[in-house]
N, C-alpha and C. Protein backbone atom coordinates (compact mmCIF):
# COMPACT_ATOMS: atom_id res chain seq x y z
N UNK A 1 0.84 -1.18 0.00
CA UNK A 1 0.00 0.00 0.00
C UNK A 1 0.89 1.24 0.00
N UNK A 2 0.42 2.25 -0.68
CA UNK A 2 1.12 3.53 -0.73
C UNK A 2 0.18 4.55 -0.10
N UNK A 3 0.70 5.38 0.80
CA UNK A 3 -0.16 6.32 1.52
C UNK A 3 -0.63 7.47 0.64
N UNK A 4 0.30 8.04 -0.15
CA UNK A 4 -0.05 9.19 -0.99
C UNK A 4 0.66 9.03 -2.34
N UNK A 5 -0.08 9.30 -3.41
CA UNK A 5 0.51 9.40 -4.75
C UNK A 5 0.21 10.81 -5.23
N UNK A 6 1.27 11.53 -5.60
CA UNK A 6 1.11 12.93 -5.98
C UNK A 6 1.96 13.24 -7.21
N UNK A 7 1.72 14.41 -7.78
CA UNK A 7 2.54 14.92 -8.87
C UNK A 7 3.32 16.12 -8.37
N UNK A 8 4.59 16.19 -8.73
CA UNK A 8 5.43 17.35 -8.45
C UNK A 8 6.18 17.65 -9.74
N UNK A 9 5.68 18.61 -10.47
CA UNK A 9 6.18 18.93 -11.80
C UNK A 9 6.07 17.68 -12.67
N UNK A 10 7.17 17.17 -13.20
CA UNK A 10 7.12 15.98 -14.06
C UNK A 10 7.13 14.67 -13.28
N UNK A 11 7.38 14.73 -12.00
CA UNK A 11 7.55 13.53 -11.18
C UNK A 11 6.23 12.99 -10.65
N UNK A 12 6.12 11.67 -10.62
CA UNK A 12 5.09 11.01 -9.85
C UNK A 12 5.76 10.68 -8.52
N UNK A 13 5.15 11.13 -7.44
CA UNK A 13 5.76 11.00 -6.11
C UNK A 13 4.94 10.02 -5.28
N UNK A 14 5.63 9.02 -4.74
CA UNK A 14 5.02 8.04 -3.86
C UNK A 14 5.49 8.36 -2.45
N UNK A 15 4.52 8.55 -1.56
CA UNK A 15 4.83 9.03 -0.21
C UNK A 15 4.39 8.00 0.83
N UNK A 16 5.31 7.67 1.71
CA UNK A 16 5.02 6.83 2.87
C UNK A 16 4.94 7.73 4.09
N UNK A 17 3.85 7.65 4.84
CA UNK A 17 3.66 8.46 6.04
C UNK A 17 3.85 7.55 7.25
N UNK A 18 4.73 7.95 8.16
CA UNK A 18 4.99 7.20 9.38
C UNK A 18 4.74 8.11 10.58
N UNK A 19 3.97 7.61 11.54
CA UNK A 19 3.61 8.38 12.73
C UNK A 19 4.10 7.66 13.97
N UNK A 20 4.65 8.43 14.91
CA UNK A 20 5.09 7.89 16.20
C UNK A 20 4.73 8.89 17.29
N UNK A 21 4.41 8.39 18.46
CA UNK A 21 4.12 9.27 19.59
C UNK A 21 5.39 9.90 20.15
N UNK A 22 6.53 9.20 19.99
CA UNK A 22 7.81 9.73 20.44
C UNK A 22 8.91 9.11 19.60
N UNK A 23 10.12 9.61 19.79
CA UNK A 23 11.28 9.05 19.09
C UNK A 23 12.12 8.20 20.04
N UNK A 24 11.52 7.76 21.13
CA UNK A 24 12.23 6.93 22.11
C UNK A 24 12.85 5.69 21.48
N UNK A 25 12.20 5.15 20.48
CA UNK A 25 12.70 3.94 19.83
C UNK A 25 13.15 4.20 18.40
N UNK A 26 13.44 5.45 18.08
CA UNK A 26 13.93 5.81 16.75
C UNK A 26 12.97 6.71 16.00
N UNK A 27 13.50 7.30 14.96
CA UNK A 27 12.71 8.18 14.10
C UNK A 27 11.71 7.35 13.30
N UNK A 28 10.57 7.91 12.99
CA UNK A 28 9.58 7.16 12.20
C UNK A 28 10.13 6.66 10.86
N UNK A 29 10.98 7.45 10.23
CA UNK A 29 11.51 7.07 8.92
C UNK A 29 12.36 5.81 8.99
N UNK A 30 12.88 5.49 10.17
CA UNK A 30 13.69 4.28 10.31
C UNK A 30 12.86 3.02 10.11
N UNK A 31 11.54 3.13 10.21
CA UNK A 31 10.66 1.99 9.97
C UNK A 31 10.52 1.68 8.48
N UNK A 32 10.99 2.57 7.63
CA UNK A 32 10.96 2.32 6.19
C UNK A 32 12.26 1.59 5.85
N UNK A 33 12.28 0.32 6.22
CA UNK A 33 13.48 -0.50 6.06
C UNK A 33 13.54 -1.10 4.64
N UNK A 34 14.50 -1.96 4.42
CA UNK A 34 14.71 -2.56 3.10
C UNK A 34 13.44 -3.23 2.59
N UNK A 35 12.79 -4.00 3.43
CA UNK A 35 11.60 -4.75 3.00
C UNK A 35 10.43 -3.82 2.69
N UNK A 36 10.26 -2.78 3.49
CA UNK A 36 9.20 -1.81 3.23
C UNK A 36 9.48 -1.06 1.93
N UNK A 37 10.74 -0.68 1.71
CA UNK A 37 11.12 0.00 0.47
C UNK A 37 10.83 -0.88 -0.74
N UNK A 38 11.16 -2.17 -0.64
CA UNK A 38 10.91 -3.08 -1.76
C UNK A 38 9.41 -3.19 -2.04
N UNK A 39 8.62 -3.25 -0.99
CA UNK A 39 7.17 -3.31 -1.15
C UNK A 39 6.64 -2.03 -1.83
N UNK A 40 7.14 -0.88 -1.41
CA UNK A 40 6.72 0.39 -2.01
C UNK A 40 7.14 0.47 -3.48
N UNK A 41 8.34 0.03 -3.77
CA UNK A 41 8.84 0.05 -5.16
C UNK A 41 7.98 -0.85 -6.04
N UNK A 42 7.68 -2.05 -5.55
CA UNK A 42 6.85 -2.97 -6.34
C UNK A 42 5.44 -2.42 -6.54
N UNK A 43 4.88 -1.81 -5.51
CA UNK A 43 3.55 -1.20 -5.63
C UNK A 43 3.58 -0.04 -6.61
N UNK A 44 4.64 0.76 -6.57
CA UNK A 44 4.77 1.89 -7.50
C UNK A 44 4.89 1.40 -8.94
N UNK A 45 5.66 0.35 -9.15
CA UNK A 45 5.79 -0.21 -10.50
C UNK A 45 4.43 -0.69 -11.02
N UNK A 46 3.68 -1.34 -10.17
CA UNK A 46 2.35 -1.80 -10.57
C UNK A 46 1.47 -0.61 -10.94
N UNK A 47 1.47 0.41 -10.10
CA UNK A 47 0.67 1.61 -10.36
C UNK A 47 1.08 2.25 -11.69
N UNK A 48 2.37 2.44 -11.89
CA UNK A 48 2.86 3.09 -13.11
C UNK A 48 2.50 2.29 -14.35
N UNK A 49 2.61 0.98 -14.25
CA UNK A 49 2.27 0.12 -15.39
C UNK A 49 0.77 0.19 -15.69
N UNK A 50 -0.04 0.12 -14.64
CA UNK A 50 -1.49 0.12 -14.85
C UNK A 50 -2.01 1.45 -15.38
N UNK A 51 -1.28 2.55 -15.09
CA UNK A 51 -1.69 3.88 -15.56
C UNK A 51 -0.94 4.31 -16.82
N UNK A 52 -0.14 3.39 -17.39
CA UNK A 52 0.65 3.67 -18.60
C UNK A 52 1.60 4.85 -18.38
N UNK A 53 2.23 4.88 -17.23
CA UNK A 53 3.16 5.96 -16.86
C UNK A 53 4.56 5.43 -16.64
N UNK A 54 4.89 4.31 -17.25
CA UNK A 54 6.14 3.62 -16.95
C UNK A 54 7.38 4.48 -17.23
N UNK A 55 7.30 5.44 -18.15
CA UNK A 55 8.45 6.30 -18.47
C UNK A 55 8.47 7.59 -17.65
N UNK A 56 7.54 7.73 -16.72
CA UNK A 56 7.46 8.93 -15.89
C UNK A 56 8.56 8.89 -14.83
N UNK A 57 9.27 10.00 -14.60
CA UNK A 57 10.23 10.00 -13.50
C UNK A 57 9.50 9.88 -12.16
N UNK A 58 10.09 9.12 -11.25
CA UNK A 58 9.45 8.90 -9.95
C UNK A 58 10.36 9.34 -8.81
N UNK A 59 9.70 9.56 -7.67
CA UNK A 59 10.41 9.93 -6.45
C UNK A 59 9.69 9.27 -5.29
N UNK A 60 10.47 8.86 -4.29
CA UNK A 60 9.92 8.26 -3.08
C UNK A 60 10.24 9.17 -1.90
N UNK A 61 9.20 9.68 -1.27
CA UNK A 61 9.35 10.56 -0.11
C UNK A 61 8.82 9.85 1.14
N UNK A 62 9.29 10.31 2.29
CA UNK A 62 8.75 9.85 3.57
C UNK A 62 8.33 11.07 4.36
N UNK A 63 7.15 11.01 4.94
CA UNK A 63 6.67 12.07 5.82
C UNK A 63 6.59 11.48 7.22
N UNK A 64 7.31 12.11 8.15
CA UNK A 64 7.29 11.69 9.55
C UNK A 64 6.37 12.62 10.33
N UNK A 65 5.53 12.03 11.19
CA UNK A 65 4.69 12.80 12.09
C UNK A 65 5.01 12.30 13.49
N UNK A 66 5.47 13.22 14.37
CA UNK A 66 5.96 12.81 15.68
C UNK A 66 5.29 13.59 16.80
N UNK A 67 4.92 12.86 17.86
CA UNK A 67 4.45 13.47 19.10
C UNK A 67 3.01 13.94 19.06
N UNK A 68 2.56 14.32 20.24
CA UNK A 68 1.19 14.83 20.36
C UNK A 68 1.01 16.14 19.62
N UNK A 69 2.10 16.90 19.49
CA UNK A 69 2.02 18.18 18.77
C UNK A 69 2.05 17.98 17.26
N UNK A 70 2.22 16.73 16.82
CA UNK A 70 2.19 16.36 15.39
C UNK A 70 3.22 17.11 14.56
N UNK A 71 4.46 17.12 15.04
CA UNK A 71 5.56 17.72 14.29
C UNK A 71 5.77 16.93 13.00
N UNK A 72 5.82 17.63 11.87
CA UNK A 72 5.92 17.00 10.56
C UNK A 72 7.29 17.26 9.95
N UNK A 73 7.89 16.20 9.41
CA UNK A 73 9.16 16.30 8.71
C UNK A 73 9.00 15.59 7.37
N UNK A 74 9.18 16.33 6.27
CA UNK A 74 9.04 15.78 4.92
C UNK A 74 10.43 15.49 4.39
N UNK A 75 10.72 14.21 4.14
CA UNK A 75 12.02 13.80 3.60
C UNK A 75 11.83 13.56 2.10
N UNK A 76 12.32 14.49 1.31
CA UNK A 76 12.19 14.43 -0.14
C UNK A 76 13.24 13.47 -0.68
N UNK A 77 12.81 12.61 -1.61
CA UNK A 77 13.71 11.64 -2.23
C UNK A 77 14.41 10.78 -1.17
N UNK A 78 13.62 10.21 -0.27
CA UNK A 78 14.15 9.45 0.86
C UNK A 78 14.93 8.21 0.41
N UNK A 79 14.53 7.63 -0.71
CA UNK A 79 15.27 6.50 -1.27
C UNK A 79 14.97 6.41 -2.76
N UNK A 80 15.79 5.63 -3.45
CA UNK A 80 15.65 5.49 -4.91
C UNK A 80 15.53 4.02 -5.28
N UNK A 81 15.07 3.80 -6.47
CA UNK A 81 14.98 2.42 -6.99
C UNK A 81 16.37 1.90 -7.24
């Protein structure tokens, strides 16, 4: 599953949103490990193929939401294929 699919100029952007109440056990983005990245990449490929966008440049971002105050950190181009 992909949380958000967006356009940014020519790019199709796939966004994973991770929320944590605290960073006591690490930053939310640390949960986007190798296996999660592979799942997101495979899901993105399926989406691009089904929408005939296979030649579109892509980007993978992570949005972290932390704490009760909901501090947001947008990590642009968090990983690549």
